[in-house]
Amino acid sequence: MNKKDKKCLYCQGNNDESASHCQHCGMALPEKHPHSKGSKIKFFVKVFWAIVIFCVVMIFYLPR
């Protein structure tokens, strides 16, 4: 599998990047894979900054 292939989420078959349906099972191929590394990093960054902001607010809000 090279970088230009799309993996079918249903049958795990490799397909050409330009294909809209799987050549093995006929299911529609996603635009981007839901478990791709980029989506995991974006989620992590959002959660990280939410926790940082929460901690900073609590530092100033809680009594000393």
C-alpha atoms as a PDB file:
ATOM      1  CA  MET A   1       0.000   0.000   0.000  1.00  0.00           C
ATOM      2  CA  ASN A   2       1.480   3.319  -1.006  1.00  0.00           C
ATOM      3  CA  LYS A   3       0.542   6.852   0.077  1.00  0.00           C
ATOM      4  CA  LYS A   4      -1.866   7.228  -2.862  1.00  0.00           C
ATOM      5  CA  ASP A   5      -4.132   4.348  -1.815  1.00  0.00           C
ATOM      6  CA  LYS A   6      -7.383   4.592   0.159  1.00  0.00           C
ATOM      7  CA  LYS A   7      -8.283   1.766   2.494  1.00  0.00           C
ATOM      8  CA  CYS A   8     -11.907   0.626   2.565  1.00  0.00           C
ATOM      9  CA  LEU A   9     -13.363   0.823   6.077  1.00  0.00           C
ATOM     10  CA  TYR A  10     -15.627  -2.157   5.381  1.00  0.00           C
ATOM     11  CA  CYS A  11     -13.427  -4.803   3.720  1.00  0.00           C
ATOM     12  CA  GLN A  12      -9.966  -3.226   4.329  1.00  0.00           C
ATOM     13  CA  GLY A  13      -9.167  -3.482   0.611  1.00  0.00           C
ATOM     14  CA  ASN A  14      -6.739  -1.032  -1.011  1.00  0.00           C
ATOM     15  CA  ASN A  15      -8.158   1.247  -3.689  1.00  0.00           C
ATOM     16  CA  ASP A  16      -6.871   3.981  -5.965  1.00  0.00           C
ATOM     17  CA  GLU A  17      -6.912   7.514  -4.468  1.00  0.00           C
ATOM     18  CA  SER A  18      -9.308   8.778  -7.160  1.00  0.00           C
ATOM     19  CA  ALA A  19     -11.869   5.994  -6.599  1.00  0.00           C
ATOM     20  CA  SER A  20     -15.162   6.902  -4.938  1.00  0.00           C
ATOM     21  CA  HIS A  21     -16.280   3.300  -4.311  1.00  0.00           C
ATOM     22  CA  CYS A  22     -14.334   0.213  -3.263  1.00  0.00           C
ATOM     23  CA  GLN A  23     -13.344  -2.016  -6.188  1.00  0.00           C
ATOM     24  CA  HIS A  24     -13.604  -5.101  -3.930  1.00  0.00           C
ATOM     25  CA  CYS A  25     -16.931  -4.687  -2.114  1.00  0.00           C
ATOM     26  CA  GLY A  26     -18.581  -1.640  -3.748  1.00  0.00           C
ATOM     27  CA  MET A  27     -18.952   0.420  -0.555  1.00  0.00           C
ATOM     28  CA  ALA A  28     -18.450   4.194  -0.726  1.00  0.00           C
ATOM     29  CA  LEU A  29     -14.947   5.270   0.286  1.00  0.00           C
ATOM     30  CA  PRO A  30     -14.502   8.041   2.873  1.00  0.00           C
ATOM     31  CA  GLU A  31     -12.867  11.348   1.956  1.00  0.00           C
ATOM     32  CA  LYS A  32     -10.440  10.884   4.855  1.00  0.00           C
ATOM     33  CA  HIS A  33      -9.919   7.982   7.217  1.00  0.00           C
ATOM     34  CA  PRO A  34     -11.508   8.621  10.654  1.00  0.00           C
ATOM     35  CA  HIS A  35      -8.522   7.118  12.471  1.00  0.00           C
ATOM     36  CA  SER A  36      -5.866   9.042  10.596  1.00  0.00           C
ATOM     37  CA  LYS A  37      -2.930  10.470  12.495  1.00  0.00           C
ATOM     38  CA  GLY A  38      -3.899  14.053  11.642  1.00  0.00           C
ATOM     39  CA  SER A  39      -7.343  13.785  13.213  1.00  0.00           C
ATOM     40  CA  LYS A  40      -5.865  12.284  16.403  1.00  0.00           C
ATOM     41  CA  ILE A  41      -3.345  15.112  16.701  1.00  0.00           C
ATOM     42  CA  LYS A  42      -6.027  17.781  16.152  1.00  0.00           C
ATOM     43  CA  PHE A  43      -8.182  16.221  18.871  1.00  0.00           C
ATOM     44  CA  PHE A  44      -5.213  16.013  21.263  1.00  0.00           C
ATOM     45  CA  VAL A  45      -4.299  19.675  20.692  1.00  0.00           C
ATOM     46  CA  LYS A  46      -7.875  20.815  21.391  1.00  0.00           C
ATOM     47  CA  VAL A  47      -8.105  18.776  24.596  1.00  0.00           C
ATOM     48  CA  PHE A  48      -4.631  19.897  25.709  1.00  0.00           C
ATOM     49  CA  TRP A  49      -5.455  23.593  25.347  1.00  0.00           C
ATOM     50  CA  ALA A  50      -8.828  23.137  27.057  1.00  0.00           C
ATOM     51  CA  ILE A  51      -7.064  21.594  30.061  1.00  0.00           C
ATOM     52  CA  VAL A  52      -4.407  24.339  30.103  1.00  0.00           C
ATOM     53  CA  ILE A  53      -7.051  27.087  30.039  1.00  0.00           C
ATOM     54  CA  PHE A  54      -9.027  25.332  32.765  1.00  0.00           C
ATOM     55  CA  CYS A  55      -5.925  25.083  34.979  1.00  0.00           C
ATOM     56  CA  VAL A  56      -5.027  28.752  34.501  1.00  0.00           C
ATOM     57  CA  VAL A  57      -8.574  29.829  35.359  1.00  0.00           C
ATOM     58  CA  MET A  58      -8.552  27.640  38.478  1.00  0.00           C
ATOM     59  CA  ILE A  59      -5.200  29.094  39.602  1.00  0.00           C
ATOM     60  CA  PHE A  60      -6.723  32.574  39.717  1.00  0.00           C
ATOM     61  CA  TYR A  61     -10.238  31.558  40.777  1.00  0.00           C
ATOM     62  CA  LEU A  62      -9.519  29.272  43.764  1.00  0.00           C
ATOM     63  CA  PRO A  63      -8.783  30.935  47.111  1.00  0.00           C
ATOM     64  CA  ARG A  64      -5.225  30.909  48.348  1.00  0.00           C
END
